[in-house]
Amino acid sequence: MSTDQKEIEEEKIQQQHAQLLMELPRAAGSFRNDLYLYKGSWLPPPVLLGAMLMQTHFKHRSTDIFLSSFIKSGTTWLKALIFTTLNRSRYDFSNHPLLRKGPHECIPTLDLHRFEDYPITDTEVHPFPRLFASHFAHNLLPSSITDTSSECKFVYVCRDPKDVLVSTWHFILKLRPKELPPVSFDQVFKAFCEGVTAYGAYWDHVLGFWKAALKSPDKVLFFKYEEIKRDPEAHVKKLAEFMGVPISAPEEDNGMVKKIAEFCSFEHLTSLEITKTGAHRLNDGNVVQNHAFFRRGQVGDYKSQLTKEMEGQIDRITHDKFKGSGLTIGATLE
């Protein structure tokens, strides 16, 4: 595609995007933008544009691997684990890209990333197999990559919704512009329970990928954050096997799995200079300090923020939403 054709295509999408912003249902957002209801998901304008570009222009490869997740569900950690596991024979730990770049630079997030030449369409610069991440719901992704006939693979990570909520709240405090009116935790809690949050309702998002994993376990690897925390080395092995680069017997004997788990641990990642002083530029021009993507990384940290009534309300919603699906996350109600 020539430069002129790219400019025409981008202008066309921009016009369609502007028209949608005038037509779609709208709600107040907690970060910096209002949210717009697009195909069942509440999206801020820059992310809505990303969805349109991906659905229209993204050219997949059969070897592509996608990390999918709801926001604040362990994405940064999984990016490090996936990148390090896949490239373990390519990079030495003493001179590893993660020492110079944050996980978000190693695996670009399609819905938040503008490529240097043209958004979404110019991804050939990435080495194969290409690694991408996205917070889009399963139904927002192009059918060309989600269809069972496609050989693209997905790693999905979910997390207890109570911890997701609290982690999101602290992320909002870091990112919300000071010139905007403050939002209270009660407001964020209410919006979360109603599903009016960035990327839509948590429960619908998780169920979309859970059902896809049940249908095609060779295509979608479904992880729970709490289980990875409990046994990271076992999940490194599962990742390696799923991505087509299983851990060999010599690697096992040389402690490769343990090395990957420790290299990508919360303690190690947060100690890196790139985490302390680096920053990541989003597609809307905003810059986020790398340390903002890390907080505590603990299981059950919601107890420091939620009242018992709030815990109970989220657990009831989770129980009702997941009933009959075979999926359990967080507290299980009888």
C-alpha atoms as a PDB file:
ATOM      1  CA  MET A   1       0.000   0.000   0.000  1.00  0.00           C
ATOM      2  CA  SER A   2       1.426   3.360  -1.047  1.00  0.00           C
ATOM      3  CA  THR A   3       1.803   6.313   1.295  1.00  0.00           C
ATOM      4  CA  ASP A   4      -1.094   8.116  -0.422  1.00  0.00           C
ATOM      5  CA  GLN A   5      -3.333   5.063  -0.090  1.00  0.00           C
ATOM      6  CA  LYS A   6      -2.454   4.745   3.590  1.00  0.00           C
ATOM      7  CA  GLU A   7      -3.324   8.385   4.207  1.00  0.00           C
ATOM      8  CA  ILE A   8      -6.672   7.966   2.420  1.00  0.00           C
ATOM      9  CA  GLU A   9      -7.469   4.820   4.412  1.00  0.00           C
ATOM     10  CA  GLU A  10      -6.519   6.445   7.715  1.00  0.00           C
ATOM     11  CA  GLU A  11      -8.637   9.505   6.950  1.00  0.00           C
ATOM     12  CA  LYS A  12     -11.590   7.242   6.112  1.00  0.00           C
ATOM     13  CA  ILE A  13     -11.304   5.410   9.430  1.00  0.00           C
ATOM     14  CA  GLN A  14     -10.919   8.708  11.293  1.00  0.00           C
ATOM     15  CA  GLN A  15     -14.150   9.974   9.740  1.00  0.00           C
ATOM     16  CA  GLN A  16     -16.015   6.791  10.634  1.00  0.00           C
ATOM     17  CA  HIS A  17     -14.614   7.030  14.155  1.00  0.00           C
ATOM     18  CA  ALA A  18     -15.781  10.630  14.538  1.00  0.00           C
ATOM     19  CA  GLN A  19     -19.249   9.661  13.319  1.00  0.00           C
ATOM     20  CA  LEU A  20     -19.482   6.798  15.797  1.00  0.00           C
ATOM     21  CA  LEU A  21     -18.573   9.094  18.679  1.00  0.00           C
ATOM     22  CA  MET A  22     -21.668  11.137  17.854  1.00  0.00           C
ATOM     23  CA  GLU A  23     -23.949   8.096  17.614  1.00  0.00           C
ATOM     24  CA  LEU A  24     -22.869   5.557  20.242  1.00  0.00           C
ATOM     25  CA  PRO A  25     -24.168   5.443  23.852  1.00  0.00           C
ATOM     26  CA  ARG A  26     -21.815   7.397  26.103  1.00  0.00           C
ATOM     27  CA  ALA A  27     -20.846   7.176  29.768  1.00  0.00           C
ATOM     28  CA  ALA A  28     -18.375   8.908  32.054  1.00  0.00           C
ATOM     29  CA  GLY A  29     -14.980   7.220  32.268  1.00  0.00           C
ATOM     30  CA  SER A  30     -12.753   7.054  35.326  1.00  0.00           C
ATOM     31  CA  PHE A  31      -9.368   7.535  33.670  1.00  0.00           C
ATOM     32  CA  ARG A  32      -9.262  10.518  31.298  1.00  0.00           C
ATOM     33  CA  ASN A  33     -11.867   9.939  28.558  1.00  0.00           C
ATOM     34  CA  ASP A  34     -15.570   9.227  28.359  1.00  0.00           C
ATOM     35  CA  LEU A  35     -16.538   5.709  27.294  1.00  0.00           C
ATOM     36  CA  TYR A  36     -18.554   4.665  24.239  1.00  0.00           C
ATOM     37  CA  LEU A  37     -20.524   1.415  23.925  1.00  0.00           C
ATOM     38  CA  TYR A  38     -19.177  -0.390  20.860  1.00  0.00           C
ATOM     39  CA  LYS A  39     -20.285  -3.958  20.113  1.00  0.00           C
ATOM     40  CA  GLY A  40     -20.930  -4.645  23.785  1.00  0.00           C
ATOM     41  CA  SER A  41     -17.738  -3.065  25.173  1.00  0.00           C
ATOM     42  CA  TRP A  42     -17.280   0.368  26.722  1.00  0.00           C
ATOM     43  CA  LEU A  43     -14.223   1.924  25.067  1.00  0.00           C
ATOM     44  CA  PRO A  44     -12.464   5.298  25.328  1.00  0.00           C
ATOM     45  CA  PRO A  45     -12.089   7.059  21.935  1.00  0.00           C
ATOM     46  CA  PRO A  46      -8.424   6.098  21.253  1.00  0.00           C
ATOM     47  CA  VAL A  47      -9.149   2.442  22.011  1.00  0.00           C
ATOM     48  CA  LEU A  48     -12.311   2.501  19.895  1.00  0.00           C
ATOM     49  CA  LEU A  49     -10.162   3.724  17.006  1.00  0.00           C
ATOM     50  CA  GLY A  50      -7.740   0.882  17.693  1.00  0.00           C
ATOM     51  CA  ALA A  51     -10.597  -1.637  17.534  1.00  0.00           C
ATOM     52  CA  MET A  52     -11.746  -0.284  14.184  1.00  0.00           C
ATOM     53  CA  LEU A  53      -8.219  -0.356  12.769  1.00  0.00           C
ATOM     54  CA  MET A  54      -7.589  -3.884  13.991  1.00  0.00           C
ATOM     55  CA  GLN A  55     -10.880  -5.242  12.644  1.00  0.00           C
ATOM     56  CA  THR A  56     -10.335  -3.597   9.267  1.00  0.00           C
ATOM     57  CA  HIS A  57      -6.604  -3.646   8.618  1.00  0.00           C
ATOM     58  CA  PHE A  58      -4.723  -6.069  10.840  1.00  0.00           C
ATOM     59  CA  LYS A  59      -2.967  -8.740   8.786  1.00  0.00           C
ATOM     60  CA  HIS A  60      -2.363 -11.790  10.895  1.00  0.00           C
ATOM     61  CA  ARG A  61       0.200 -14.531  10.478  1.00  0.00           C
ATOM     62  CA  SER A  62      -0.498 -18.144  11.336  1.00  0.00           C
ATOM     63  CA  THR A  63       2.329 -18.073  13.890  1.00  0.00           C
ATOM     64  CA  ASP A  64       1.040 -15.006  15.780  1.00  0.00           C
ATOM     65  CA  ILE A  65       0.613 -15.375  19.534  1.00  0.00           C
ATOM     66  CA  PHE A  66      -1.683 -13.016  21.444  1.00  0.00           C
ATOM     67  CA  LEU A  67      -1.805 -12.301  25.162  1.00  0.00           C
ATOM     68  CA  SER A  68      -5.359 -11.308  26.061  1.00  0.00           C
ATOM     69  CA  SER A  69      -6.654 -10.061  29.402  1.00  0.00           C
ATOM     70  CA  PHE A  70      -9.014  -7.687  31.120  1.00  0.00           C
ATOM     71  CA  ILE A  71      -7.259  -4.608  32.466  1.00  0.00           C
ATOM     72  CA  LYS A  72      -5.196  -4.998  35.661  1.00  0.00           C
ATOM     73  CA  SER A  73      -5.270  -8.778  35.571  1.00  0.00           C
ATOM     74  CA  GLY A  74      -1.540  -9.502  35.422  1.00  0.00           C
ATOM     75  CA  THR A  75      -0.818  -8.397  31.849  1.00  0.00           C
ATOM     76  CA  THR A  76       2.601  -6.878  32.542  1.00  0.00           C
ATOM     77  CA  TRP A  77       3.814 -10.007  34.341  1.00  0.00           C
ATOM     78  CA  LEU A  78       2.522 -12.335  31.609  1.00  0.00           C
ATOM     79  CA  LYS A  79       4.170 -10.230  28.921  1.00  0.00           C
ATOM     80  CA  ALA A  80       7.506 -10.769  30.645  1.00  0.00           C
ATOM     81  CA  LEU A  81       6.897 -14.508  31.095  1.00  0.00           C
ATOM     82  CA  ILE A  82       5.758 -15.068  27.504  1.00  0.00           C
ATOM     83  CA  PHE A  83       8.540 -13.002  25.929  1.00  0.00           C
ATOM     84  CA  THR A  84      11.259 -14.582  28.066  1.00  0.00           C
ATOM     85  CA  THR A  85      10.003 -18.147  27.655  1.00  0.00           C
ATOM     86  CA  LEU A  86       9.655 -17.893  23.881  1.00  0.00           C
ATOM     87  CA  ASN A  87      13.025 -16.173  23.383  1.00  0.00           C
ATOM     88  CA  ARG A  88      15.065 -18.057  25.999  1.00  0.00           C
ATOM     89  CA  SER A  89      17.498 -19.414  23.392  1.00  0.00           C
ATOM     90  CA  ARG A  90      17.851 -16.036  21.714  1.00  0.00           C
ATOM     91  CA  TYR A  91      18.742 -13.798  24.656  1.00  0.00           C
ATOM     92  CA  ASP A  92      21.070 -14.238  27.575  1.00  0.00           C
ATOM     93  CA  PHE A  93      19.737 -13.140  30.947  1.00  0.00           C
ATOM     94  CA  SER A  94      22.725 -10.844  31.446  1.00  0.00           C
ATOM     95  CA  ASN A  95      21.905  -8.843  28.306  1.00  0.00           C
ATOM     96  CA  HIS A  96      18.159  -9.302  28.024  1.00  0.00           C
ATOM     97  CA  PRO A  97      15.764  -6.837  26.321  1.00  0.00           C
ATOM     98  CA  LEU A  98      13.728  -6.640  29.526  1.00  0.00           C
ATOM     99  CA  LEU A  99      16.745  -5.040  31.181  1.00  0.00           C
ATOM    100  CA  ARG A 100      16.571  -2.178  28.663  1.00  0.00           C
ATOM    101  CA  LYS A 101      12.879  -2.067  27.810  1.00  0.00           C
ATOM    102  CA  GLY A 102       9.742  -2.645  29.825  1.00  0.00           C
ATOM    103  CA  PRO A 103       7.452  -5.607  29.080  1.00  0.00           C
ATOM    104  CA  HIS A 104       5.081  -3.281  27.198  1.00  0.00           C
ATOM    105  CA  GLU A 105       7.835  -2.399  24.743  1.00  0.00           C
ATOM    106  CA  CYS A 106       8.736  -6.058  24.228  1.00  0.00           C
ATOM    107  CA  ILE A 107       5.142  -7.064  23.430  1.00  0.00           C
ATOM    108  CA  PRO A 108       3.084  -4.213  21.912  1.00  0.00           C
ATOM    109  CA  THR A 109      -0.556  -3.845  22.911  1.00  0.00           C
ATOM    110  CA  LEU A 110      -2.529  -3.565  19.691  1.00  0.00           C
ATOM    111  CA  ASP A 111      -5.347  -1.501  21.156  1.00  0.00           C
ATOM    112  CA  LEU A 112      -2.938   1.021  22.686  1.00  0.00           C
ATOM    113  CA  HIS A 113      -0.031   1.050  20.268  1.00  0.00           C
ATOM    114  CA  ARG A 114       0.638   3.114  17.146  1.00  0.00           C
ATOM    115  CA  PHE A 115       3.329   1.734  14.909  1.00  0.00           C
ATOM    116  CA  GLU A 116       5.866   4.178  13.495  1.00  0.00           C
ATOM    117  CA  ASP A 117       4.585   4.024   9.923  1.00  0.00           C
ATOM    118  CA  TYR A 118       0.879   3.216  10.130  1.00  0.00           C
ATOM    119  CA  PRO A 119      -1.300   1.923  12.961  1.00  0.00           C
ATOM    120  CA  ILE A 120      -2.072  -1.808  13.071  1.00  0.00           C
ATOM    121  CA  THR A 121      -1.206  -2.499   9.438  1.00  0.00           C
ATOM    122  CA  ASP A 122       2.572  -2.203   9.542  1.00  0.00           C
ATOM    123  CA  THR A 123       3.588  -5.041  11.832  1.00  0.00           C
ATOM    124  CA  GLU A 124       6.025  -6.835   9.565  1.00  0.00           C
ATOM    125  CA  VAL A 125       8.906  -5.255  11.489  1.00  0.00           C
ATOM    126  CA  HIS A 126       8.234  -7.626  14.381  1.00  0.00           C
ATOM    127  CA  PRO A 127      10.235 -10.868  14.540  1.00  0.00           C
ATOM    128  CA  PHE A 128       8.430 -14.159  14.020  1.00  0.00           C
ATOM    129  CA  PRO A 129       6.586 -15.587  15.744  1.00  0.00           C
ATOM    130  CA  ARG A 130       5.056 -12.181  16.437  1.00  0.00           C
ATOM    131  CA  LEU A 131       3.865 -11.458  19.962  1.00  0.00           C
ATOM    132  CA  PHE A 132       0.979  -9.067  20.573  1.00  0.00           C
ATOM    133  CA  ALA A 133      -1.231  -8.163  23.511  1.00  0.00           C
ATOM    134  CA  SER A 134      -4.775  -6.854  23.721  1.00  0.00           C
ATOM    135  CA  HIS A 135      -7.467  -6.036  26.261  1.00  0.00           C
ATOM    136  CA  PHE A 136     -10.238  -6.349  23.647  1.00  0.00           C
ATOM    137  CA  ALA A 137     -13.111  -8.711  24.388  1.00  0.00           C
ATOM    138  CA  HIS A 138     -13.122 -11.905  22.326  1.00  0.00           C
ATOM    139  CA  ASN A 139     -15.983 -10.722  20.108  1.00  0.00           C
ATOM    140  CA  LEU A 140     -14.126  -7.488  19.239  1.00  0.00           C
ATOM    141  CA  LEU A 141     -11.165  -9.318  17.731  1.00  0.00           C
ATOM    142  CA  PRO A 142     -11.131 -10.031  13.982  1.00  0.00           C
ATOM    143  CA  SER A 143     -12.667 -13.406  13.140  1.00  0.00           C
ATOM    144  CA  SER A 144      -9.609 -14.057  11.001  1.00  0.00           C
ATOM    145  CA  ILE A 145      -7.604 -14.650  14.196  1.00  0.00           C
ATOM    146  CA  THR A 146     -10.279 -16.040  16.534  1.00  0.00           C
ATOM    147  CA  ASP A 147     -11.822 -18.569  14.140  1.00  0.00           C
ATOM    148  CA  THR A 148     -10.877 -22.157  14.885  1.00  0.00           C
ATOM    149  CA  SER A 149      -9.547 -22.488  11.347  1.00  0.00           C
ATOM    150  CA  SER A 150      -6.907 -19.880  12.163  1.00  0.00           C
ATOM    151  CA  GLU A 151      -3.634 -21.134  13.606  1.00  0.00           C
ATOM    152  CA  CYS A 152      -3.100 -18.007  15.736  1.00  0.00           C
ATOM    153  CA  LYS A 153      -2.857 -18.751  19.453  1.00  0.00           C
ATOM    154  CA  PHE A 154      -4.093 -16.926  22.543  1.00  0.00           C
ATOM    155  CA  VAL A 155      -2.886 -16.910  26.125  1.00  0.00           C
ATOM    156  CA  TYR A 156      -5.580 -15.492  28.408  1.00  0.00           C
ATOM    157  CA  VAL A 157      -5.055 -14.533  32.028  1.00  0.00           C
ATOM    158  CA  CYS A 158      -7.865 -13.684  34.433  1.00  0.00           C
ATOM    159  CA  ARG A 159      -7.819 -12.586  38.055  1.00  0.00           C
ATOM    160  CA  ASP A 160     -10.186 -12.360  41.024  1.00  0.00           C
ATOM    161  CA  PRO A 161     -12.491  -9.433  40.106  1.00  0.00           C
ATOM    162  CA  LYS A 162     -12.097  -7.929  43.575  1.00  0.00           C
ATOM    163  CA  ASP A 163      -8.332  -7.612  43.078  1.00  0.00           C
ATOM    164  CA  VAL A 164      -8.914  -6.349  39.527  1.00  0.00           C
ATOM    165  CA  LEU A 165     -11.167  -3.607  40.859  1.00  0.00           C
ATOM    166  CA  VAL A 166      -8.743  -2.451  43.555  1.00  0.00           C
ATOM    167  CA  SER A 167      -5.773  -2.552  41.186  1.00  0.00           C
ATOM    168  CA  THR A 168      -7.782  -0.543  38.650  1.00  0.00           C
ATOM    169  CA  TRP A 169      -8.635   2.031  41.295  1.00  0.00           C
ATOM    170  CA  HIS A 170      -4.988   2.606  42.163  1.00  0.00           C
ATOM    171  CA  PHE A 171      -4.128   2.801  38.456  1.00  0.00           C
ATOM    172  CA  ILE A 172      -6.807   5.475  38.031  1.00  0.00           C
ATOM    173  CA  LEU A 173      -5.262   7.484  40.873  1.00  0.00           C
ATOM    174  CA  LYS A 174      -1.917   7.402  39.018  1.00  0.00           C
ATOM    175  CA  LEU A 175      -3.250   8.238  35.552  1.00  0.00           C
ATOM    176  CA  ARG A 176      -6.242  10.526  35.974  1.00  0.00           C
ATOM    177  CA  PRO A 177      -5.253  14.106  35.040  1.00  0.00           C
ATOM    178  CA  LYS A 178      -5.187  16.516  37.983  1.00  0.00           C
ATOM    179  CA  GLU A 179      -7.280  19.051  36.064  1.00  0.00           C
ATOM    180  CA  LEU A 180     -10.236  16.652  35.977  1.00  0.00           C
ATOM    181  CA  PRO A 181     -12.629  16.342  38.941  1.00  0.00           C
ATOM    182  CA  PRO A 182     -11.594  13.501  41.250  1.00  0.00           C
ATOM    183  CA  VAL A 183     -13.561  10.255  41.212  1.00  0.00           C
ATOM    184  CA  SER A 184     -14.364   8.399  44.408  1.00  0.00           C
ATOM    185  CA  PHE A 185     -13.793   4.718  45.045  1.00  0.00           C
ATOM    186  CA  ASP A 186     -17.548   4.318  45.496  1.00  0.00           C
ATOM    187  CA  GLN A 187     -18.072   5.656  41.966  1.00  0.00           C
ATOM    188  CA  VAL A 188     -15.518   3.251  40.515  1.00  0.00           C
ATOM    189  CA  PHE A 189     -17.008   0.345  42.494  1.00  0.00           C
ATOM    190  CA  LYS A 190     -20.511   1.102  41.214  1.00  0.00           C
ATOM    191  CA  ALA A 191     -19.341   1.398  37.605  1.00  0.00           C
ATOM    192  CA  PHE A 192     -17.394  -1.874  37.878  1.00  0.00           C
ATOM    193  CA  CYS A 193     -20.390  -3.774  39.221  1.00  0.00           C
ATOM    194  CA  GLU A 194     -22.563  -2.336  36.431  1.00  0.00           C
ATOM    195  CA  GLY A 195     -19.981  -3.250  33.789  1.00  0.00           C
ATOM    196  CA  VAL A 196     -19.521   0.357  32.684  1.00  0.00           C
ATOM    197  CA  THR A 197     -15.728   0.268  32.732  1.00  0.00           C
ATOM    198  CA  ALA A 198     -13.014   0.477  30.099  1.00  0.00           C
ATOM    199  CA  TYR A 199     -13.248  -2.637  27.869  1.00  0.00           C
ATOM    200  CA  GLY A 200     -16.714  -3.471  29.180  1.00  0.00           C
ATOM    201  CA  ALA A 201     -17.968  -5.807  31.864  1.00  0.00           C
ATOM    202  CA  TYR A 202     -15.258  -7.906  33.503  1.00  0.00           C
ATOM    203  CA  TRP A 203     -17.468 -11.010  33.650  1.00  0.00           C
ATOM    204  CA  ASP A 204     -18.443 -10.921  29.955  1.00  0.00           C
ATOM    205  CA  HIS A 205     -14.791 -10.460  29.004  1.00  0.00           C
ATOM    206  CA  VAL A 206     -13.605 -13.467  31.005  1.00  0.00           C
ATOM    207  CA  LEU A 207     -16.471 -15.696  29.866  1.00  0.00           C
ATOM    208  CA  GLY A 208     -15.804 -14.903  26.213  1.00  0.00           C
ATOM    209  CA  PHE A 209     -12.309 -16.341  26.419  1.00  0.00           C
ATOM    210  CA  TRP A 210     -13.275 -19.137  28.818  1.00  0.00           C
ATOM    211  CA  LYS A 211     -15.808 -20.439  26.296  1.00  0.00           C
ATOM    212  CA  ALA A 212     -13.252 -20.104  23.491  1.00  0.00           C
ATOM    213  CA  ALA A 213     -10.741 -22.094  25.575  1.00  0.00           C
ATOM    214  CA  LEU A 214     -13.279 -24.860  26.221  1.00  0.00           C
ATOM    215  CA  LYS A 215     -14.067 -25.014  22.513  1.00  0.00           C
ATOM    216  CA  SER A 216     -10.469 -24.902  21.299  1.00  0.00           C
ATOM    217  CA  PRO A 217      -7.957 -25.704  24.086  1.00  0.00           C
ATOM    218  CA  ASP A 218      -5.161 -25.987  21.509  1.00  0.00           C
ATOM    219  CA  LYS A 219      -5.864 -22.411  20.435  1.00  0.00           C
ATOM    220  CA  VAL A 220      -6.616 -20.680  23.754  1.00  0.00           C
ATOM    221  CA  LEU A 221      -4.579 -21.296  26.912  1.00  0.00           C
ATOM    222  CA  PHE A 222      -6.572 -20.064  29.913  1.00  0.00           C
ATOM    223  CA  PHE A 223      -4.635 -19.035  33.025  1.00  0.00           C
ATOM    224  CA  LYS A 224      -5.694 -17.779  36.439  1.00  0.00           C
ATOM    225  CA  TYR A 225      -3.426 -15.196  38.053  1.00  0.00           C
ATOM    226  CA  GLU A 226      -3.728 -16.820  41.469  1.00  0.00           C
ATOM    227  CA  GLU A 227      -2.628 -20.199  40.134  1.00  0.00           C
ATOM    228  CA  ILE A 228       0.408 -18.705  38.400  1.00  0.00           C
ATOM    229  CA  LYS A 229       1.405 -17.016  41.660  1.00  0.00           C
ATOM    230  CA  ARG A 230       1.084 -20.345  43.442  1.00  0.00           C
ATOM    231  CA  ASP A 231       3.313 -22.221  40.968  1.00  0.00           C
ATOM    232  CA  PRO A 232       5.003 -19.998  38.367  1.00  0.00           C
ATOM    233  CA  GLU A 233       7.410 -22.701  37.192  1.00  0.00           C
ATOM    234  CA  ALA A 234       4.596 -25.073  36.222  1.00  0.00           C
ATOM    235  CA  HIS A 235       3.009 -22.297  34.171  1.00  0.00           C
ATOM    236  CA  VAL A 236       6.305 -21.500  32.438  1.00  0.00           C
ATOM    237  CA  LYS A 237       6.325 -25.122  31.258  1.00  0.00           C
ATOM    238  CA  LYS A 238       2.724 -24.860  30.070  1.00  0.00           C
ATOM    239  CA  LEU A 239       3.512 -21.643  28.197  1.00  0.00           C
ATOM    240  CA  ALA A 240       6.534 -23.198  26.509  1.00  0.00           C
ATOM    241  CA  GLU A 241       4.571 -26.269  25.443  1.00  0.00           C
ATOM    242  CA  PHE A 242       1.631 -24.192  24.175  1.00  0.00           C
ATOM    243  CA  MET A 243       3.856 -21.858  22.155  1.00  0.00           C
ATOM    244  CA  GLY A 244       5.596 -24.758  20.461  1.00  0.00           C
ATOM    245  CA  VAL A 245       8.923 -24.425  22.270  1.00  0.00           C
ATOM    246  CA  PRO A 246       8.723 -27.062  25.041  1.00  0.00           C
ATOM    247  CA  ILE A 247      11.321 -27.148  27.786  1.00  0.00           C
ATOM    248  CA  SER A 248      13.930 -29.747  26.913  1.00  0.00           C
ATOM    249  CA  ALA A 249      15.423 -32.238  29.356  1.00  0.00           C
ATOM    250  CA  PRO A 250      18.809 -30.450  29.354  1.00  0.00           C
ATOM    251  CA  GLU A 251      17.071 -27.127  30.020  1.00  0.00           C
ATOM    252  CA  GLU A 252      15.164 -28.722  32.870  1.00  0.00           C
ATOM    253  CA  ASP A 253      18.398 -30.082  34.322  1.00  0.00           C
ATOM    254  CA  ASN A 254      20.112 -26.688  34.001  1.00  0.00           C
ATOM    255  CA  GLY A 255      17.336 -24.931  35.914  1.00  0.00           C
ATOM    256  CA  MET A 256      16.027 -22.916  32.956  1.00  0.00           C
ATOM    257  CA  VAL A 257      12.429 -22.928  34.212  1.00  0.00           C
ATOM    258  CA  LYS A 258      13.438 -21.600  37.621  1.00  0.00           C
ATOM    259  CA  LYS A 259      15.644 -18.950  35.976  1.00  0.00           C
ATOM    260  CA  ILE A 260      12.746 -17.697  33.827  1.00  0.00           C
ATOM    261  CA  ALA A 261      10.357 -17.597  36.780  1.00  0.00           C
ATOM    262  CA  GLU A 262      12.847 -15.667  38.923  1.00  0.00           C
ATOM    263  CA  PHE A 263      13.880 -13.307  36.105  1.00  0.00           C
ATOM    264  CA  CYS A 264      10.210 -12.408  35.509  1.00  0.00           C
ATOM    265  CA  SER A 265       9.227 -12.262  39.170  1.00  0.00           C
ATOM    266  CA  PHE A 266       7.563  -9.162  40.591  1.00  0.00           C
ATOM    267  CA  GLU A 267      10.553  -8.573  42.821  1.00  0.00           C
ATOM    268  CA  HIS A 268      13.050  -8.652  39.965  1.00  0.00           C
ATOM    269  CA  LEU A 269      10.990  -6.649  37.472  1.00  0.00           C
ATOM    270  CA  THR A 270      10.302  -3.877  39.983  1.00  0.00           C
ATOM    271  CA  SER A 271      13.993  -3.681  40.908  1.00  0.00           C
ATOM    272  CA  LEU A 272      15.073  -2.901  37.329  1.00  0.00           C
ATOM    273  CA  GLU A 273      16.215   0.602  36.474  1.00  0.00           C
ATOM    274  CA  ILE A 274      13.970   0.636  33.375  1.00  0.00           C
ATOM    275  CA  THR A 275      10.986   0.074  35.665  1.00  0.00           C
ATOM    276  CA  LYS A 276      12.009   2.806  38.066  1.00  0.00           C
ATOM    277  CA  THR A 277      12.877   5.488  35.499  1.00  0.00           C
ATOM    278  CA  GLY A 278      11.476   4.411  32.106  1.00  0.00           C
ATOM    279  CA  ALA A 279       8.170   5.332  30.492  1.00  0.00           C
ATOM    280  CA  HIS A 280       5.756   3.961  27.886  1.00  0.00           C
ATOM    281  CA  ARG A 281       4.037   6.148  25.263  1.00  0.00           C
ATOM    282  CA  LEU A 282       0.436   5.296  24.388  1.00  0.00           C
ATOM    283  CA  ASN A 283      -1.214   5.868  21.027  1.00  0.00           C
ATOM    284  CA  ASP A 284      -3.049   8.977  22.209  1.00  0.00           C
ATOM    285  CA  GLY A 285       0.247  10.680  23.023  1.00  0.00           C
ATOM    286  CA  ASN A 286       0.028  10.143  26.764  1.00  0.00           C
ATOM    287  CA  VAL A 287       3.088   8.849  28.575  1.00  0.00           C
ATOM    288  CA  VAL A 288       2.833   6.392  31.463  1.00  0.00           C
ATOM    289  CA  GLN A 289       5.773   5.830  33.785  1.00  0.00           C
ATOM    290  CA  ASN A 290       6.770   2.167  33.806  1.00  0.00           C
ATOM    291  CA  HIS A 291       6.522   1.914  37.587  1.00  0.00           C
ATOM    292  CA  ALA A 292       2.807   2.794  37.309  1.00  0.00           C
ATOM    293  CA  PHE A 293       2.168  -0.669  35.857  1.00  0.00           C
ATOM    294  CA  PHE A 294       3.380  -2.261  39.094  1.00  0.00           C
ATOM    295  CA  ARG A 295       1.924  -1.988  42.576  1.00  0.00           C
ATOM    296  CA  ARG A 296       1.947  -5.005  44.879  1.00  0.00           C
ATOM    297  CA  GLY A 297       1.142  -8.006  42.698  1.00  0.00           C
ATOM    298  CA  GLN A 298      -0.482  -9.781  45.624  1.00  0.00           C
ATOM    299  CA  VAL A 299      -3.417 -12.164  45.803  1.00  0.00           C
ATOM    300  CA  GLY A 300      -6.231 -10.953  48.058  1.00  0.00           C
ATOM    301  CA  ASP A 301      -4.995  -7.375  48.361  1.00  0.00           C
ATOM    302  CA  TYR A 302      -8.624  -6.253  47.892  1.00  0.00           C
ATOM    303  CA  LYS A 303      -9.181  -6.883  51.611  1.00  0.00           C
ATOM    304  CA  SER A 304      -7.361  -3.637  52.379  1.00  0.00           C
ATOM    305  CA  GLN A 305      -9.875  -1.625  50.324  1.00  0.00           C
ATOM    306  CA  LEU A 306     -13.248  -3.370  50.119  1.00  0.00           C
ATOM    307  CA  THR A 307     -15.839  -3.584  52.859  1.00  0.00           C
ATOM    308  CA  LYS A 308     -17.428  -6.958  53.584  1.00  0.00           C
ATOM    309  CA  GLU A 309     -20.581  -5.721  51.863  1.00  0.00           C
ATOM    310  CA  MET A 310     -18.617  -4.807  48.728  1.00  0.00           C
ATOM    311  CA  GLU A 311     -16.854  -8.176  48.725  1.00  0.00           C
ATOM    312  CA  GLY A 312     -20.191  -9.947  49.023  1.00  0.00           C
ATOM    313  CA  GLN A 313     -21.747  -7.948  46.207  1.00  0.00           C
ATOM    314  CA  ILE A 314     -18.945  -8.757  43.756  1.00  0.00           C
ATOM    315  CA  ASP A 315     -18.910 -12.414  44.805  1.00  0.00           C
ATOM    316  CA  ARG A 316     -22.674 -12.648  44.173  1.00  0.00           C
ATOM    317  CA  ILE A 317     -22.331 -11.100  40.738  1.00  0.00           C
ATOM    318  CA  THR A 318     -19.457 -13.463  39.923  1.00  0.00           C
ATOM    319  CA  HIS A 319     -21.456 -16.464  41.087  1.00  0.00           C
ATOM    320  CA  ASP A 320     -24.502 -15.471  39.045  1.00  0.00           C
ATOM    321  CA  LYS A 321     -22.546 -14.588  35.908  1.00  0.00           C
ATOM    322  CA  PHE A 322     -20.407 -17.740  35.908  1.00  0.00           C
ATOM    323  CA  LYS A 323     -23.120 -20.150  37.022  1.00  0.00           C
ATOM    324  CA  GLY A 324     -23.214 -23.186  34.764  1.00  0.00           C
ATOM    325  CA  SER A 325     -20.017 -22.242  32.929  1.00  0.00           C
ATOM    326  CA  GLY A 326     -17.697 -24.477  34.938  1.00  0.00           C
ATOM    327  CA  LEU A 327     -15.514 -21.467  35.776  1.00  0.00           C
ATOM    328  CA  THR A 328     -14.805 -20.375  39.341  1.00  0.00           C
ATOM    329  CA  ILE A 329     -12.813 -17.297  40.337  1.00  0.00           C
ATOM    330  CA  GLY A 330     -12.557 -15.818  43.800  1.00  0.00           C
ATOM    331  CA  ALA A 331     -15.043 -16.871  46.471  1.00  0.00           C
ATOM    332  CA  THR A 332     -17.415 -19.690  45.610  1.00  0.00           C
ATOM    333  CA  LEU A 333     -20.954 -19.200  46.905  1.00  0.00           C
ATOM    334  CA  GLU A 334     -23.215 -22.105  47.658  1.00  0.00           C
END
